[in-house]
Amino acid sequence: MTKLAENNQMVQLVNLLEFAPVAIGVFDSDSKQTLLLNDIFRKSFGYTKTDIPDIDSWYAKSFSLHNAKEETLQSWLAQIALDNASTSIETSLRDKNDRVRQVSLSLTLFEGKQLFYVNDITDHLIIEQRLKVRSDMLEMVARSSSLQDVLTMIVQQVQRESPQSLCSVLLFDKEAQRLLLGAAPDLPAFYSQAIHGVPIGPTVGSCGAAAYHKQRVIVEDINTHPNWSAFTDLTQAAELTSCWSEPIISSDGLLLGTFAIYNAPSAKPTDKDIEQIQFASNLASIAIENHNAHQELERRANIDYLTELSNRRSFFELSNAMLKQASIEKENCALLMMDVDHFKKINDIHGHDHGDLVLQHLARNSLVNLPESAVLGRIGGEEFAILLPDTDRATTLEIAESLRESLAADGLSSHDKQTIYYTVSLGVTFSFGMHCYIDELLREADTALYKAKQTGRNRVCTFNGC
């Protein structure tokens, strides 16, 4: 074939391939020079012939990801050279913006030329991965897996989609108006510890501001943005350069936390980046809402609805566990039973709603007057039980008398502005460091309480005397 004919053939090939609907790169088999990168190739991956003048430079820039992928690619190329047949392979490559793309790569050998057809399947694979993550997450939620494990899985999916990025989920503490660490598996540990408990505020980093405004906050350069001025030493040590934060909102519009992407490949998010962070925050919202609902169900199962104290079942479980541990360590425990004196009369005179107020008042004041280690539960209508771990007889009786006096002196205001005063009787018994169960101690304390009732009320009696 004459040189002119070859040139004409190349021109025809270029015209044919330039505007083909798939990315195509054509290389000379002998010189390895780049002959053509068509329009779709240039737009999709950013490279021009100046960037990759030959096939070796393309391999070096696009396929140097890690050894396993390089070996797979080289084996595939060698097999094509041997069989001289067109086949395809799914692999990863980097585009000019350093993003890792998943592609289906086909090679055809044609008259001394290598024609590579590069089909970007990244979006397709991401959709498949996201569907799988969502399915796996719902399964984990159904199995009551830990919230941290579920959130970590969501974080890892985003990091798979954007390998250079590091992600975190922070959980909103409404009472303290701060953010707590939920999941950040690949952020430096010192950084994760530092952001745990960060307050929300209009100019607090990206996450604190996103939580405060309940709006996405994009910080393209952490080192120069005023929101980060107080944290630059920390972020520089962690090598963090940008941070996009999306508030995690519940289905009824409440703030649950934030999802953050650090060190994104491009400083300014694209539409796909926004879609990615929204996907992550939506999944996180489902996980957190389900976790909170499960916790609320557990709380309701263990907490008395009126007084917010441990209910009978919960009190028994906690107390038996503490008594078992105390017997192992040979520590003495005390059990107090407390009953409101003449509670029926309070209900008859003031009404049952005021009777409820008395029980709530008793619960609040008792918690204030008892040691932090005490376990307090409502085990009946107006009956309460208190377990005091690692305490002696004298200290126990001092606590019981102090509680009785405090409750008798501190009345509560009724709806009609009257002050309601009430008293309590208490029965006390001890484990004396021996192994025993809570129901045994309750029987003894109930006997002591009966003595207190029979001998005048508003007093403390012990199982072996008053």
Protein backbone atom coordinates (compact mmCIF):
# COMPACT_ATOMS: atom_id res chain seq x y z
CA MET A 1 0.00 0.00 0.00
CA THR A 2 1.38 3.43 -0.96
CA LYS A 3 2.06 6.11 1.61
CA LEU A 4 -0.78 8.19 0.16
CA ALA A 5 -3.18 5.29 0.49
CA GLU A 6 -2.11 4.73 4.08
CA ASN A 7 -2.68 8.40 4.86
CA ASN A 8 -6.10 8.32 3.24
CA GLN A 9 -6.96 5.21 5.20
CA MET A 10 -5.88 6.89 8.44
CA VAL A 11 -7.96 9.97 7.65
CA GLN A 12 -10.99 7.78 7.04
CA LEU A 13 -10.33 5.89 10.27
CA VAL A 14 -10.00 9.13 12.22
CA ASN A 15 -13.22 10.50 10.73
CA LEU A 16 -14.99 7.26 11.56
CA LEU A 17 -13.75 7.02 15.16
CA GLU A 18 -13.55 10.68 16.19
CA PHE A 19 -17.24 11.02 16.94
CA ALA A 20 -18.02 7.42 17.81
CA PRO A 21 -20.31 7.08 20.87
CA VAL A 22 -17.64 5.24 22.89
CA ALA A 23 -14.19 6.36 24.09
CA ILE A 24 -11.52 5.09 21.68
CA GLY A 25 -7.74 5.32 21.77
CA VAL A 26 -5.68 4.23 18.74
CA PHE A 27 -1.96 3.45 19.02
CA ASP A 28 0.66 2.35 16.49
CA SER A 29 1.69 -1.24 17.23
CA ASP A 30 5.34 -0.72 16.24
CA SER A 31 6.19 2.80 17.42
CA LYS A 32 3.62 2.75 20.24
CA GLN A 33 2.77 6.34 19.38
CA THR A 34 -0.71 7.70 20.05
CA LEU A 35 -2.55 8.09 16.79
CA LEU A 36 -5.99 9.09 18.05
CA LEU A 37 -7.86 9.88 21.23
CA ASN A 38 -11.40 10.53 20.11
CA ASP A 39 -13.82 13.17 21.36
CA ILE A 40 -15.51 10.93 23.95
CA PHE A 41 -12.11 9.75 25.22
CA ARG A 42 -10.87 13.30 25.72
CA LYS A 43 -14.09 14.44 27.41
CA SER A 44 -14.45 11.36 29.59
CA PHE A 45 -10.90 10.97 30.83
CA GLY A 46 -9.40 14.40 30.24
CA TYR A 47 -6.30 13.24 28.36
CA THR A 48 -5.10 14.61 25.03
CA LYS A 49 -2.32 13.36 22.75
CA THR A 50 -0.02 15.85 24.46
CA ASP A 51 -0.71 14.19 27.83
CA ILE A 52 -0.21 10.65 26.52
CA PRO A 53 1.91 10.76 23.36
CA ASP A 54 2.38 6.99 23.42
CA ILE A 55 0.82 3.89 24.88
CA ASP A 56 3.45 3.49 27.61
CA SER A 57 2.66 6.92 29.03
CA TRP A 58 -1.04 5.99 29.04
CA TYR A 59 -0.31 2.81 30.95
CA ALA A 60 1.86 4.72 33.42
CA LYS A 61 -0.67 7.50 34.06
CA SER A 62 -3.89 5.52 33.97
CA PHE A 63 -3.21 1.96 35.05
CA SER A 64 -0.52 2.22 37.77
CA LEU A 65 -2.95 1.54 40.59
CA HIS A 66 -1.52 -1.46 42.35
CA ASN A 67 0.41 -4.56 41.35
CA ALA A 68 -2.52 -6.95 41.14
CA LYS A 69 -4.35 -4.80 38.57
CA GLU A 70 -1.18 -4.16 36.56
CA GLU A 71 -0.43 -7.89 36.40
CA THR A 72 -4.00 -8.64 35.31
CA LEU A 73 -3.81 -6.02 32.57
CA GLN A 74 -0.44 -7.24 31.29
CA SER A 75 -1.65 -10.85 31.26
CA TRP A 76 -4.71 -9.80 29.28
CA LEU A 77 -2.60 -7.86 26.75
CA ALA A 78 -0.20 -10.77 26.36
CA GLN A 79 -3.08 -13.16 25.71
CA ILE A 80 -4.51 -10.90 23.00
CA ALA A 81 -1.11 -10.65 21.31
CA LEU A 82 -0.91 -14.44 21.36
CA ASP A 83 -4.45 -15.16 20.13
CA ASN A 84 -4.87 -12.05 17.95
CA ALA A 85 -8.53 -11.99 19.01
CA SER A 86 -10.61 -9.13 20.41
CA THR A 87 -11.60 -9.60 24.05
CA SER A 88 -12.51 -7.31 26.93
CA ILE A 89 -11.59 -6.91 30.60
CA GLU A 90 -13.05 -4.93 33.50
CA THR A 91 -10.39 -2.92 35.27
CA SER A 92 -9.64 0.43 36.93
CA LEU A 93 -7.87 3.46 35.55
CA ARG A 94 -7.16 7.01 36.62
CA ASP A 95 -8.40 9.97 34.62
CA LYS A 96 -6.46 13.22 34.28
CA ASN A 97 -8.14 14.59 37.43
CA ASP A 98 -6.78 11.59 39.34
CA ARG A 99 -10.20 10.02 39.81
CA VAL A 100 -10.29 6.24 39.69
CA ARG A 101 -12.77 5.01 37.09
CA GLN A 102 -14.09 1.52 36.56
CA VAL A 103 -14.02 0.61 32.88
CA SER A 104 -14.69 -2.20 30.46
CA LEU A 105 -11.62 -2.26 28.21
CA SER A 106 -11.63 -3.90 24.76
CA LEU A 107 -8.70 -4.19 22.35
CA THR A 108 -8.76 -4.86 18.63
CA LEU A 109 -5.61 -5.36 16.55
CA PHE A 110 -6.08 -3.92 13.05
CA GLU A 111 -3.42 -3.43 10.37
CA GLY A 112 -0.58 -2.53 12.71
CA LYS A 113 -2.75 -0.53 15.04
CA GLN A 114 -4.18 -1.14 18.50
CA LEU A 115 -7.71 0.11 18.96
CA PHE A 116 -8.78 0.39 22.62
CA TYR A 117 -12.47 0.81 23.34
CA VAL A 118 -12.93 2.22 26.86
CA ASN A 119 -16.45 2.02 28.27
CA ASP A 120 -16.84 3.83 31.60
CA ILE A 121 -18.97 1.58 33.83
CA THR A 122 -18.28 3.47 37.05
CA ASP A 123 -21.82 4.80 37.49
CA HIS A 124 -23.34 1.39 36.78
CA LEU A 125 -21.11 -0.30 39.35
CA ILE A 126 -21.72 2.46 41.89
CA ILE A 127 -25.49 1.98 41.55
CA GLU A 128 -25.04 -1.77 42.09
CA GLN A 129 -22.76 -1.18 45.08
CA ARG A 130 -25.15 1.34 46.61
CA LEU A 131 -28.09 -1.02 46.25
CA LYS A 132 -26.06 -3.75 47.92
CA VAL A 133 -24.94 -1.42 50.74
CA ARG A 134 -28.53 -0.34 51.30
CA SER A 135 -29.67 -3.98 51.39
CA ASP A 136 -26.81 -4.96 53.73
CA MET A 137 -27.53 -1.97 55.95
CA LEU A 138 -31.21 -2.84 56.30
CA GLU A 139 -30.24 -6.41 57.15
CA MET A 140 -27.80 -5.15 59.80
CA VAL A 141 -30.50 -2.87 61.23
CA ALA A 142 -32.91 -5.82 61.37
CA ARG A 143 -30.26 -7.81 63.25
CA SER A 144 -29.76 -4.90 65.66
CA SER A 145 -26.10 -4.53 64.69
CA SER A 146 -24.24 -1.71 66.39
CA LEU A 147 -24.82 1.75 64.96
CA GLN A 148 -21.07 2.24 64.56
CA ASP A 149 -20.81 -0.87 62.38
CA VAL A 150 -23.68 0.28 60.16
CA LEU A 151 -22.30 3.81 59.79
CA THR A 152 -18.82 2.46 59.08
CA MET A 153 -20.20 0.43 56.19
CA ILE A 154 -21.79 3.56 54.70
CA VAL A 155 -18.55 5.52 55.11
CA GLN A 156 -16.55 2.78 53.42
CA GLN A 157 -18.90 2.75 50.42
CA VAL A 158 -18.35 6.48 49.83
CA GLN A 159 -14.60 6.00 50.19
CA ARG A 160 -14.72 3.19 47.63
CA GLU A 161 -16.43 5.54 45.20
CA SER A 162 -13.87 8.25 45.91
CA PRO A 163 -10.66 6.50 47.06
CA GLN A 164 -8.77 9.69 47.91
CA SER A 165 -11.49 10.86 50.27
CA LEU A 166 -11.85 10.31 54.00
CA CYS A 167 -15.30 10.40 55.58
CA SER A 168 -16.88 10.78 58.98
CA VAL A 169 -20.31 10.59 60.58
CA LEU A 170 -20.94 12.73 63.65
CA LEU A 171 -24.04 12.29 65.81
CA PHE A 172 -25.97 15.23 67.26
CA ASP A 173 -26.26 15.44 71.04
CA LYS A 174 -29.32 17.65 71.40
CA GLU A 175 -28.99 18.20 75.14
CA ALA A 176 -25.36 19.37 74.97
CA GLN A 177 -25.68 20.94 71.47
CA ARG A 178 -22.56 19.15 70.28
CA LEU A 179 -21.46 16.48 67.80
CA LEU A 180 -20.19 13.07 68.87
CA LEU A 181 -18.11 10.66 66.82
CA GLY A 182 -20.27 8.06 65.08
CA ALA A 183 -17.87 6.55 62.54
CA ALA A 184 -14.59 7.66 60.96
CA PRO A 185 -12.65 4.44 60.33
CA ASP A 186 -9.83 5.98 58.29
CA LEU A 187 -9.37 9.44 59.74
CA PRO A 188 -6.30 9.71 62.04
CA ALA A 189 -7.18 8.66 65.58
CA PHE A 190 -5.93 11.92 67.09
CA TYR A 191 -8.20 13.89 64.77
CA SER A 192 -11.24 11.73 65.53
CA GLN A 193 -10.66 12.21 69.26
CA ALA A 194 -10.33 15.96 68.82
CA ILE A 195 -13.62 16.39 66.93
CA HIS A 196 -15.56 14.16 69.35
CA GLY A 197 -17.74 16.58 71.29
CA VAL A 198 -17.23 19.62 69.04
CA PRO A 199 -20.02 22.18 69.64
CA ILE A 200 -22.29 23.19 66.82
CA GLY A 201 -22.17 26.83 65.76
CA PRO A 202 -22.54 29.12 62.74
CA THR A 203 -18.78 29.21 62.07
CA VAL A 204 -17.52 25.96 63.64
CA GLY A 205 -15.66 24.14 60.89
CA SER A 206 -17.82 22.45 58.26
CA CYS A 207 -19.76 19.98 60.41
CA GLY A 208 -20.51 22.33 63.29
CA ALA A 209 -21.78 24.93 60.82
CA ALA A 210 -23.76 22.40 58.76
CA ALA A 211 -25.45 21.14 61.93
CA TYR A 212 -26.19 24.66 63.14
CA HIS A 213 -27.65 25.89 59.84
CA LYS A 214 -29.07 22.47 58.85
CA GLN A 215 -27.59 23.14 55.41
CA ARG A 216 -24.72 21.74 53.36
CA VAL A 217 -21.41 23.53 54.01
CA ILE A 218 -18.66 23.33 51.37
CA VAL A 219 -15.15 24.36 52.39
CA GLU A 220 -12.80 24.06 49.42
CA ASP A 221 -9.65 25.14 51.29
CA ILE A 222 -9.50 24.41 55.00
CA ASN A 223 -6.25 26.37 55.42
CA THR A 224 -7.81 29.67 54.37
CA HIS A 225 -11.47 29.37 55.37
CA PRO A 226 -12.42 31.39 58.51
CA ASN A 227 -14.57 28.52 59.85
CA TRP A 228 -11.42 26.45 60.26
CA SER A 229 -9.03 29.08 61.64
CA ALA A 230 -9.12 27.57 65.14
CA PHE A 231 -8.41 24.06 63.84
CA THR A 232 -5.69 24.48 61.19
CA ASP A 233 -2.91 23.00 63.34
CA LEU A 234 -5.05 19.92 63.78
CA THR A 235 -6.10 19.63 60.13
CA GLN A 236 -2.56 20.19 58.86
CA ALA A 237 -1.28 17.43 61.14
CA ALA A 238 -4.01 15.16 59.71
CA GLU A 239 -3.23 16.36 56.14
CA LEU A 240 -6.81 17.44 55.52
CA THR A 241 -7.29 20.06 52.82
CA SER A 242 -11.04 20.33 52.11
CA CYS A 243 -14.26 19.35 53.84
CA TRP A 244 -17.83 19.08 52.59
CA SER A 245 -20.44 18.47 55.27
CA GLU A 246 -24.06 17.45 54.83
CA PRO A 247 -26.54 17.59 57.74
CA ILE A 248 -28.24 14.28 58.46
CA ILE A 249 -31.94 15.00 58.87
CA SER A 250 -34.63 12.65 60.16
CA SER A 251 -37.85 11.91 58.29
CA ASP A 252 -39.63 14.48 60.46
CA GLY A 253 -37.02 17.21 59.95
CA LEU A 254 -34.93 16.79 63.10
CA LEU A 255 -31.14 17.08 63.09
CA LEU A 256 -29.45 13.71 63.65
CA GLY A 257 -25.83 14.50 62.79
CA THR A 258 -23.53 15.27 59.86
CA PHE A 259 -21.81 13.35 57.07
CA ALA A 260 -18.46 14.80 56.01
CA ILE A 261 -16.17 14.14 53.06
CA TYR A 262 -12.57 15.31 53.50
CA ASN A 263 -9.93 15.61 50.76
CA ALA A 264 -12.30 15.19 47.82
CA PRO A 265 -10.52 14.84 44.44
CA SER A 266 -11.89 18.20 43.28
CA ALA A 267 -12.17 21.21 45.55
CA LYS A 268 -15.63 22.13 44.28
CA PRO A 269 -18.25 19.36 44.29
CA THR A 270 -19.87 18.30 41.03
CA ASP A 271 -23.49 17.24 40.68
CA LYS A 272 -22.32 13.63 41.13
CA ASP A 273 -20.46 14.59 44.30
CA ILE A 274 -23.60 16.22 45.70
CA GLU A 275 -25.59 13.11 44.79
CA GLN A 276 -22.98 10.99 46.56
CA ILE A 277 -23.04 12.92 49.84
CA GLN A 278 -26.86 13.04 49.78
CA PHE A 279 -26.97 9.28 49.27
CA ALA A 280 -24.67 8.78 52.25
CA SER A 281 -26.56 11.16 54.55
CA ASN A 282 -29.91 9.59 53.59
CA LEU A 283 -28.63 6.10 54.41
CA ALA A 284 -27.13 7.37 57.65
CA SER A 285 -30.47 8.97 58.52
CA ILE A 286 -32.25 5.62 58.12
CA ALA A 287 -29.63 3.86 60.26
CA ILE A 288 -29.68 6.49 63.03
CA GLU A 289 -33.47 6.75 63.12
CA ASN A 290 -33.83 2.98 63.41
CA HIS A 291 -31.15 2.87 66.10
CA ASN A 292 -32.87 5.64 68.07
CA ALA A 293 -36.25 3.95 67.72
CA HIS A 294 -34.79 0.66 68.94
CA GLN A 295 -33.16 2.41 71.88
CA GLU A 296 -36.43 4.13 72.73
CA LEU A 297 -38.25 0.80 72.69
CA GLU A 298 -35.63 -0.67 74.99
CA ARG A 299 -35.86 2.35 77.24
CA ARG A 300 -39.63 2.04 77.44
CA ALA A 301 -39.29 -1.64 78.22
CA ASN A 302 -37.01 -0.88 81.16
CA ILE A 303 -38.21 2.49 82.42
CA ASP A 304 -41.30 3.33 84.43
CA TYR A 305 -43.39 5.62 82.25
CA LEU A 306 -44.42 7.95 85.09
CA THR A 307 -41.25 8.47 87.11
CA GLU A 308 -38.57 7.67 84.49
CA LEU A 309 -36.98 5.31 87.02
CA SER A 310 -36.14 1.66 86.41
CA ASN A 311 -39.29 -0.44 86.31
CA ARG A 312 -39.68 -3.63 88.32
CA ARG A 313 -38.12 -5.93 85.70
CA SER A 314 -35.19 -3.65 85.03
CA PHE A 315 -34.58 -3.09 88.74
CA PHE A 316 -34.50 -6.84 89.37
CA GLU A 317 -32.05 -7.44 86.51
CA LEU A 318 -29.68 -4.63 87.53
CA SER A 319 -29.83 -5.54 91.21
CA ASN A 320 -29.19 -9.26 90.70
CA ALA A 321 -26.15 -8.46 88.58
CA MET A 322 -24.80 -6.08 91.21
CA LEU A 323 -25.48 -8.52 94.05
CA LYS A 324 -23.63 -11.28 92.19
CA GLN A 325 -20.60 -9.05 91.69
CA ALA A 326 -20.75 -7.89 95.31
CA SER A 327 -20.71 -11.50 96.58
CA ILE A 328 -17.62 -12.22 94.48
CA GLU A 329 -15.85 -9.21 95.95
CA LYS A 330 -17.26 -9.89 99.45
CA GLU A 331 -18.90 -6.47 99.58
CA ASN A 332 -21.99 -5.65 101.58
CA CYS A 333 -25.08 -4.24 99.89
CA ALA A 334 -28.15 -2.65 101.41
CA LEU A 335 -31.69 -2.77 100.10
CA LEU A 336 -34.30 -0.17 101.03
CA MET A 337 -38.02 -0.39 100.36
CA MET A 338 -39.84 2.94 100.46
CA ASP A 339 -43.59 3.54 100.49
CA VAL A 340 -45.58 6.79 100.46
CA ASP A 341 -47.57 7.11 103.67
CA HIS A 342 -51.35 7.42 103.27
CA PHE A 343 -51.03 7.62 99.49
CA LYS A 344 -54.70 6.72 99.02
CA LYS A 345 -55.68 9.76 101.07
CA ILE A 346 -53.57 11.99 98.79
CA ASN A 347 -55.43 10.61 95.79
CA ASP A 348 -58.82 11.00 97.49
CA ILE A 349 -58.22 14.59 98.61
CA HIS A 350 -56.24 16.02 95.69
CA GLY A 351 -57.06 13.63 92.84
CA HIS A 352 -55.05 10.98 91.02
CA ASP A 353 -53.27 13.51 88.85
CA HIS A 354 -51.80 15.07 91.97
CA GLY A 355 -50.95 11.61 93.24
CA ASP A 356 -48.89 11.16 90.08
CA LEU A 357 -47.16 14.48 90.78
CA VAL A 358 -46.21 13.21 94.22
CA LEU A 359 -44.62 10.08 92.77
CA GLN A 360 -42.70 12.14 90.21
CA HIS A 361 -41.60 14.56 92.94
CA LEU A 362 -40.44 11.66 95.10
CA ALA A 363 -38.43 10.16 92.21
CA ARG A 364 -36.65 13.44 91.40
CA ASN A 365 -35.82 14.27 95.01
CA SER A 366 -34.67 10.75 95.79
CA LEU A 367 -32.19 10.80 92.91
CA VAL A 368 -30.76 14.07 94.23
CA ASN A 369 -30.35 12.69 97.77
CA LEU A 370 -28.96 9.25 96.92
CA PRO A 371 -25.36 8.30 96.01
CA GLU A 372 -24.63 8.08 92.28
CA SER A 373 -23.98 4.35 92.63
CA ALA A 374 -27.50 3.69 93.98
CA VAL A 375 -30.09 1.86 91.87
CA LEU A 376 -33.59 3.29 92.32
CA GLY A 377 -36.68 1.69 90.87
CA ARG A 378 -40.44 1.87 91.08
CA ILE A 379 -41.61 -1.67 91.78
CA GLY A 380 -45.28 -1.04 92.56
CA GLY A 381 -47.92 1.69 92.71
CA GLU A 382 -46.36 3.85 95.43
CA GLU A 383 -43.56 1.43 96.31
CA PHE A 384 -39.93 2.11 95.50
CA ALA A 385 -36.79 0.06 96.02
CA ILE A 386 -33.22 1.28 96.42
CA LEU A 387 -30.09 -0.87 96.18
CA LEU A 388 -26.97 0.66 97.75
CA PRO A 389 -23.81 -1.20 96.71
CA ASP A 390 -20.70 -1.48 98.90
CA THR A 391 -22.13 0.23 101.98
CA ASP A 392 -22.13 -0.48 105.72
CA ARG A 393 -25.01 -0.42 108.17
CA ALA A 394 -24.31 3.01 109.66
CA THR A 395 -23.94 4.72 106.29
CA THR A 396 -27.09 3.07 104.99
CA LEU A 397 -29.20 4.22 107.92
CA GLU A 398 -27.77 7.73 107.61
CA ILE A 399 -28.75 7.82 103.92
CA ALA A 400 -32.23 6.46 104.68
CA GLU A 401 -32.89 9.03 107.43
CA SER A 402 -31.59 11.88 105.29
CA LEU A 403 -33.85 10.83 102.43
CA ARG A 404 -36.87 10.50 104.69
CA GLU A 405 -36.33 13.93 106.23
CA SER A 406 -35.74 15.59 102.86
CA LEU A 407 -38.95 14.20 101.36
CA ALA A 408 -41.00 15.18 104.43
CA ALA A 409 -39.70 18.76 104.39
CA ASP A 410 -39.97 19.44 100.66
CA GLY A 411 -43.58 19.80 99.59
CA LEU A 412 -44.77 20.28 96.03
CA SER A 413 -47.16 22.82 94.56
CA SER A 414 -50.43 21.50 93.16
CA HIS A 415 -52.25 22.79 90.10
CA ASP A 416 -54.49 24.92 92.34
CA LYS A 417 -51.45 26.49 94.07
CA GLN A 418 -51.75 24.37 97.20
CA THR A 419 -48.64 22.85 98.76
CA ILE A 420 -48.86 19.09 99.19
CA TYR A 421 -46.68 17.57 101.88
CA TYR A 422 -46.18 13.83 102.22
CA THR A 423 -44.00 11.42 104.16
CA VAL A 424 -42.47 8.02 103.47
CA SER A 425 -41.66 4.91 105.45
CA LEU A 426 -38.58 2.81 104.74
CA GLY A 427 -37.59 -0.80 105.42
CA VAL A 428 -33.92 -1.76 105.28
CA THR A 429 -32.01 -5.03 105.00
CA PHE A 430 -28.42 -6.08 104.16
CA SER A 431 -26.70 -8.79 102.13
CA PHE A 432 -23.69 -8.97 104.47
CA GLY A 433 -21.41 -9.90 101.57
CA MET A 434 -23.22 -13.18 100.93
CA HIS A 435 -24.63 -14.37 97.62
CA CYS A 436 -28.35 -13.67 97.51
CA TYR A 437 -31.03 -12.67 95.06
CA ILE A 438 -33.00 -9.45 95.00
CA ASP A 439 -36.34 -11.14 95.68
CA GLU A 440 -34.94 -12.56 98.95
CA LEU A 441 -33.81 -9.13 100.09
CA LEU A 442 -37.09 -7.57 99.01
CA ARG A 443 -39.01 -9.95 101.27
CA GLU A 444 -36.84 -8.93 104.21
CA ALA A 445 -37.06 -5.22 103.38
CA ASP A 446 -40.83 -5.52 102.96
CA THR A 447 -41.05 -7.04 106.45
CA ALA A 448 -39.03 -4.10 107.81
CA LEU A 449 -41.26 -1.66 105.91
CA TYR A 450 -44.33 -3.26 107.45
CA LYS A 451 -42.81 -2.64 110.90
CA ALA A 452 -42.26 1.03 110.04
CA LYS A 453 -45.90 1.34 108.95
CA GLN A 454 -47.20 -0.42 112.04
CA THR A 455 -45.13 1.67 114.43
CA GLY A 456 -46.20 5.11 113.28
CA ARG A 457 -45.03 5.65 109.67
CA ASN A 458 -42.58 8.35 108.57
CA ARG A 459 -39.72 6.32 109.94
CA VAL A 460 -36.97 3.85 109.06
CA CYS A 461 -36.92 0.24 110.30
CA THR A 462 -34.41 -2.56 109.68
CA PHE A 463 -35.19 -6.22 109.12
CA ASN A 464 -33.89 -7.16 112.56
CA GLY A 465 -35.31 -4.22 114.46
CA CYS A 466 -36.32 -0.56 114.28
